[in-house]
Amino acid sequence: MDPDQIALEVNVNGAGDPFQLERAGMTADLAPQALSAYARLLLDIFDGDPILSIRADEAEEAWRVIEPIIDAWTQGATPLAEYGAGTSGPGDRPS
């Protein structure tokens, strides 16, 4: 996402074979803005418009949820299960 453009790419089922995926993309160009997205956010904050901001209690709650996850990743306490491409998960063999 960009302030002047929105782009989306998705995998869709291929024609005739539901297991054959094809990439489809969509892009929409928006009217250019006089200010960058960050400048707009700061201007709104200075003007007292909170629409693009979050409240302090929302920020605190977000950190309450996310910080233990970040700490666990940093300490290596959450190993990721690795598996090969073309498998349905750990323990499965490629087809």
N, C-alpha and C. Protein backbone atom coordinates (compact mmCIF):
# COMPACT_ATOMS: atom_id res chain seq x y z
N MET A 1 0.85 -1.17 0.00
CA MET A 1 0.00 0.00 0.00
C MET A 1 0.90 1.24 0.00
N ASP A 2 0.54 2.17 -0.78
CA ASP A 2 1.28 3.41 -0.94
C ASP A 2 0.23 4.52 -0.88
N PRO A 3 0.57 5.70 -0.42
CA PRO A 3 -0.46 6.74 -0.34
C PRO A 3 -1.14 7.04 -1.67
N ASP A 4 -0.44 6.85 -2.78
CA ASP A 4 -1.02 7.16 -4.08
C ASP A 4 -1.41 5.93 -4.89
N GLN A 5 -1.23 4.75 -4.31
CA GLN A 5 -1.54 3.53 -5.06
C GLN A 5 -1.87 2.39 -4.10
N ILE A 6 -2.81 1.57 -4.49
CA ILE A 6 -3.13 0.36 -3.75
C ILE A 6 -2.94 -0.81 -4.71
N ALA A 7 -2.18 -1.83 -4.28
CA ALA A 7 -1.95 -2.99 -5.12
C ALA A 7 -2.23 -4.25 -4.31
N LEU A 8 -2.83 -5.23 -4.95
CA LEU A 8 -3.15 -6.49 -4.30
C LEU A 8 -2.83 -7.62 -5.25
N GLU A 9 -2.09 -8.61 -4.74
CA GLU A 9 -1.81 -9.82 -5.53
C GLU A 9 -2.31 -11.01 -4.74
N VAL A 10 -2.99 -11.92 -5.41
CA VAL A 10 -3.53 -13.12 -4.77
C VAL A 10 -3.26 -14.33 -5.64
N ASN A 11 -3.23 -15.50 -5.00
CA ASN A 11 -3.15 -16.76 -5.74
C ASN A 11 -4.58 -17.25 -5.95
N VAL A 12 -4.90 -17.59 -7.17
CA VAL A 12 -6.23 -18.10 -7.50
C VAL A 12 -6.10 -19.46 -8.18
N ASN A 13 -7.15 -20.25 -8.10
CA ASN A 13 -7.15 -21.57 -8.73
C ASN A 13 -7.03 -21.41 -10.24
N GLY A 14 -6.18 -22.26 -10.83
CA GLY A 14 -6.00 -22.23 -12.28
C GLY A 14 -7.20 -22.82 -13.00
N ALA A 15 -7.33 -22.52 -14.26
CA ALA A 15 -8.43 -23.03 -15.06
C ALA A 15 -8.32 -24.54 -15.21
N GLY A 16 -9.34 -25.27 -14.82
CA GLY A 16 -9.39 -26.71 -15.01
C GLY A 16 -8.73 -27.53 -13.91
N ASP A 17 -7.80 -26.99 -13.16
CA ASP A 17 -7.13 -27.74 -12.10
C ASP A 17 -7.14 -26.92 -10.82
N PRO A 18 -7.95 -27.32 -9.85
CA PRO A 18 -8.07 -26.53 -8.62
C PRO A 18 -6.78 -26.49 -7.79
N PHE A 19 -5.82 -27.38 -8.09
CA PHE A 19 -4.57 -27.39 -7.34
C PHE A 19 -3.46 -26.61 -8.04
N GLN A 20 -3.72 -26.14 -9.24
CA GLN A 20 -2.76 -25.32 -9.97
C GLN A 20 -3.09 -23.86 -9.68
N LEU A 21 -2.16 -23.18 -9.02
CA LEU A 21 -2.41 -21.79 -8.65
C LEU A 21 -1.82 -20.84 -9.67
N GLU A 22 -2.54 -19.75 -9.88
CA GLU A 22 -2.06 -18.68 -10.75
C GLU A 22 -2.09 -17.39 -9.95
N ARG A 23 -1.16 -16.49 -10.25
CA ARG A 23 -1.07 -15.20 -9.55
C ARG A 23 -1.92 -14.18 -10.30
N ALA A 24 -2.78 -13.47 -9.59
CA ALA A 24 -3.59 -12.40 -10.18
C ALA A 24 -3.30 -11.11 -9.41
N GLY A 25 -3.17 -10.03 -10.13
CA GLY A 25 -2.87 -8.76 -9.49
C GLY A 25 -3.85 -7.67 -9.87
N MET A 26 -4.09 -6.77 -8.94
CA MET A 26 -4.96 -5.63 -9.17
C MET A 26 -4.25 -4.39 -8.62
N THR A 27 -4.34 -3.29 -9.34
CA THR A 27 -3.72 -2.05 -8.90
C THR A 27 -4.70 -0.91 -9.13
N ALA A 28 -4.78 -0.01 -8.17
CA ALA A 28 -5.61 1.19 -8.32
C ALA A 28 -4.74 2.40 -8.00
N ASP A 29 -4.67 3.32 -8.94
CA ASP A 29 -3.94 4.57 -8.72
C ASP A 29 -4.91 5.60 -8.17
N LEU A 30 -4.51 6.23 -7.07
CA LEU A 30 -5.33 7.24 -6.43
C LEU A 30 -4.81 8.63 -6.79
N ALA A 31 -5.64 9.61 -6.58
CA ALA A 31 -5.21 10.99 -6.86
C ALA A 31 -4.04 11.36 -5.95
N PRO A 32 -2.99 11.97 -6.49
CA PRO A 32 -1.86 12.36 -5.65
C PRO A 32 -2.30 13.36 -4.58
N GLN A 33 -1.68 13.25 -3.42
CA GLN A 33 -2.00 14.12 -2.30
C GLN A 33 -0.95 15.22 -2.16
N ALA A 34 -1.35 16.34 -1.61
CA ALA A 34 -0.43 17.45 -1.42
C ALA A 34 0.61 17.11 -0.35
N LEU A 35 0.23 16.31 0.64
CA LEU A 35 1.12 15.95 1.74
C LEU A 35 1.38 14.45 1.73
N SER A 36 2.55 14.05 2.23
CA SER A 36 2.82 12.63 2.40
C SER A 36 1.90 12.08 3.49
N ALA A 37 1.78 10.77 3.56
CA ALA A 37 0.91 10.15 4.55
C ALA A 37 1.36 10.50 5.97
N TYR A 38 2.66 10.50 6.21
CA TYR A 38 3.17 10.81 7.55
C TYR A 38 2.92 12.28 7.89
N ALA A 39 3.12 13.18 6.93
CA ALA A 39 2.85 14.60 7.16
C ALA A 39 1.38 14.82 7.46
N ARG A 40 0.50 14.10 6.76
CA ARG A 40 -0.94 14.21 6.99
C ARG A 40 -1.29 13.76 8.41
N LEU A 41 -0.68 12.66 8.85
CA LEU A 41 -0.91 12.15 10.20
C LEU A 41 -0.47 13.18 11.24
N LEU A 42 0.72 13.74 11.07
CA LEU A 42 1.21 14.75 12.02
C LEU A 42 0.32 15.99 12.03
N LEU A 43 -0.10 16.44 10.86
CA LEU A 43 -0.98 17.60 10.79
C LEU A 43 -2.29 17.33 11.52
N ASP A 44 -2.86 16.15 11.31
CA ASP A 44 -4.10 15.80 12.00
C ASP A 44 -3.91 15.77 13.51
N ILE A 45 -2.77 15.25 13.97
CA ILE A 45 -2.48 15.22 15.41
C ILE A 45 -2.40 16.65 15.95
N PHE A 46 -1.67 17.51 15.24
CA PHE A 46 -1.55 18.91 15.68
C PHE A 46 -2.90 19.62 15.68
N ASP A 47 -3.78 19.24 14.75
CA ASP A 47 -5.11 19.86 14.68
C ASP A 47 -6.09 19.23 15.67
N GLY A 48 -5.66 18.20 16.40
CA GLY A 48 -6.54 17.55 17.37
C GLY A 48 -7.50 16.55 16.76
N ASP A 49 -7.24 16.11 15.53
CA ASP A 49 -8.10 15.12 14.86
C ASP A 49 -7.51 13.73 15.08
N PRO A 50 -8.14 12.90 15.90
CA PRO A 50 -7.57 11.59 16.23
C PRO A 50 -7.94 10.47 15.27
N ILE A 51 -8.60 10.76 14.16
CA ILE A 51 -9.14 9.71 13.29
C ILE A 51 -8.08 8.73 12.79
N LEU A 52 -6.85 9.19 12.53
CA LEU A 52 -5.80 8.31 12.02
C LEU A 52 -4.88 7.79 13.12
N SER A 53 -5.16 8.14 14.35
CA SER A 53 -4.31 7.74 15.47
C SER A 53 -5.04 6.73 16.34
N ILE A 54 -4.29 6.10 17.24
CA ILE A 54 -4.93 5.23 18.22
C ILE A 54 -4.80 5.88 19.59
N ARG A 55 -5.70 5.51 20.47
CA ARG A 55 -5.67 6.05 21.83
C ARG A 55 -4.54 5.39 22.61
N ALA A 56 -4.15 6.03 23.70
CA ALA A 56 -3.07 5.51 24.54
C ALA A 56 -3.41 4.13 25.08
N ASP A 57 -4.67 3.90 25.49
CA ASP A 57 -5.03 2.59 26.02
C ASP A 57 -4.98 1.51 24.95
N GLU A 58 -5.26 1.87 23.69
CA GLU A 58 -5.13 0.91 22.59
C GLU A 58 -3.67 0.55 22.35
N ALA A 59 -2.79 1.54 22.40
CA ALA A 59 -1.36 1.28 22.22
C ALA A 59 -0.84 0.39 23.35
N GLU A 60 -1.24 0.68 24.58
CA GLU A 60 -0.81 -0.13 25.73
C GLU A 60 -1.29 -1.57 25.58
N GLU A 61 -2.52 -1.76 25.16
CA GLU A 61 -3.07 -3.11 25.00
C GLU A 61 -2.35 -3.86 23.89
N ALA A 62 -2.04 -3.16 22.79
CA ALA A 62 -1.31 -3.80 21.69
C ALA A 62 0.05 -4.28 22.17
N TRP A 63 0.77 -3.45 22.93
CA TRP A 63 2.08 -3.86 23.45
C TRP A 63 1.94 -4.98 24.47
N ARG A 64 0.86 -4.99 25.25
CA ARG A 64 0.65 -6.06 26.23
C ARG A 64 0.54 -7.41 25.52
N VAL A 65 -0.10 -7.41 24.37
CA VAL A 65 -0.28 -8.64 23.61
C VAL A 65 0.99 -9.02 22.84
N ILE A 66 1.63 -8.07 22.21
CA ILE A 66 2.75 -8.34 21.30
C ILE A 66 4.09 -8.52 22.01
N GLU A 67 4.33 -7.79 23.09
CA GLU A 67 5.64 -7.84 23.73
C GLU A 67 6.07 -9.23 24.18
N PRO A 68 5.19 -10.06 24.76
CA PRO A 68 5.63 -11.42 25.12
C PRO A 68 6.02 -12.26 23.89
N ILE A 69 5.38 -12.00 22.77
CA ILE A 69 5.73 -12.72 21.54
C ILE A 69 7.11 -12.30 21.06
N ILE A 70 7.37 -11.01 21.04
CA ILE A 70 8.69 -10.51 20.64
C ILE A 70 9.76 -11.05 21.57
N ASP A 71 9.50 -11.03 22.87
CA ASP A 71 10.46 -11.55 23.85
C ASP A 71 10.75 -13.03 23.61
N ALA A 72 9.71 -13.81 23.34
CA ALA A 72 9.89 -15.25 23.10
C ALA A 72 10.71 -15.48 21.83
N TRP A 73 10.46 -14.73 20.77
CA TRP A 73 11.24 -14.86 19.54
C TRP A 73 12.69 -14.50 19.79
N THR A 74 12.91 -13.42 20.53
CA THR A 74 14.27 -12.96 20.82
C THR A 74 15.06 -14.03 21.59
N GLN A 75 14.39 -14.71 22.50
CA GLN A 75 15.04 -15.73 23.33
C GLN A 75 15.08 -17.10 22.65
N GLY A 76 14.53 -17.21 21.45
CA GLY A 76 14.51 -18.49 20.73
C GLY A 76 13.58 -19.49 21.39
N ALA A 77 12.60 -19.03 22.14
CA ALA A 77 11.70 -19.91 22.88
C ALA A 77 10.52 -20.39 22.04
N THR A 78 10.43 -19.97 20.81
CA THR A 78 9.33 -20.38 19.95
C THR A 78 9.88 -20.93 18.63
N PRO A 79 10.40 -22.15 18.64
CA PRO A 79 10.95 -22.70 17.40
C PRO A 79 9.85 -22.87 16.35
N LEU A 80 10.20 -22.58 15.14
CA LEU A 80 9.26 -22.75 14.04
C LEU A 80 9.39 -24.16 13.47
N ALA A 81 8.26 -24.77 13.19
CA ALA A 81 8.27 -26.08 12.56
C ALA A 81 8.56 -25.88 11.08
N GLU A 82 9.66 -26.45 10.60
CA GLU A 82 10.02 -26.31 9.20
C GLU A 82 9.57 -27.53 8.41
N TYR A 83 9.14 -27.29 7.19
CA TYR A 83 8.76 -28.40 6.32
C TYR A 83 8.99 -28.00 4.88
N GLY A 84 9.17 -28.99 4.05
CA GLY A 84 9.53 -28.75 2.66
C GLY A 84 8.39 -28.24 1.81
N ALA A 85 8.78 -27.57 0.73
CA ALA A 85 7.80 -27.10 -0.23
C ALA A 85 7.09 -28.29 -0.85
N GLY A 86 5.80 -28.16 -1.07
CA GLY A 86 5.02 -29.22 -1.67
C GLY A 86 4.46 -30.21 -0.69
N THR A 87 4.71 -29.99 0.62
CA THR A 87 4.15 -30.87 1.64
C THR A 87 2.99 -30.18 2.33
N SER A 88 2.22 -30.92 3.08
CA SER A 88 1.10 -30.33 3.81
C SER A 88 1.47 -29.99 5.25
N GLY A 89 2.73 -30.18 5.63
CA GLY A 89 3.16 -29.81 6.96
C GLY A 89 4.30 -30.67 7.45
N PRO A 90 4.76 -30.40 8.68
CA PRO A 90 5.88 -31.19 9.23
C PRO A 90 5.54 -32.68 9.25
N GLY A 91 6.52 -33.48 8.90
CA GLY A 91 6.34 -34.94 8.89
C GLY A 91 5.83 -35.48 7.57
N ASP A 92 5.32 -34.63 6.70
CA ASP A 92 4.82 -35.06 5.39
C ASP A 92 5.98 -35.01 4.39
N ARG A 93 5.93 -35.86 3.40
CA ARG A 93 6.98 -35.89 2.37
C ARG A 93 6.46 -35.19 1.12
N PRO A 94 7.39 -34.55 0.39
CA PRO A 94 6.96 -33.87 -0.85
C PRO A 94 6.31 -34.85 -1.81
N SER A 95 5.34 -34.34 -2.54
CA SER A 95 4.64 -35.20 -3.52
C SER A 95 5.34 -35.20 -4.85
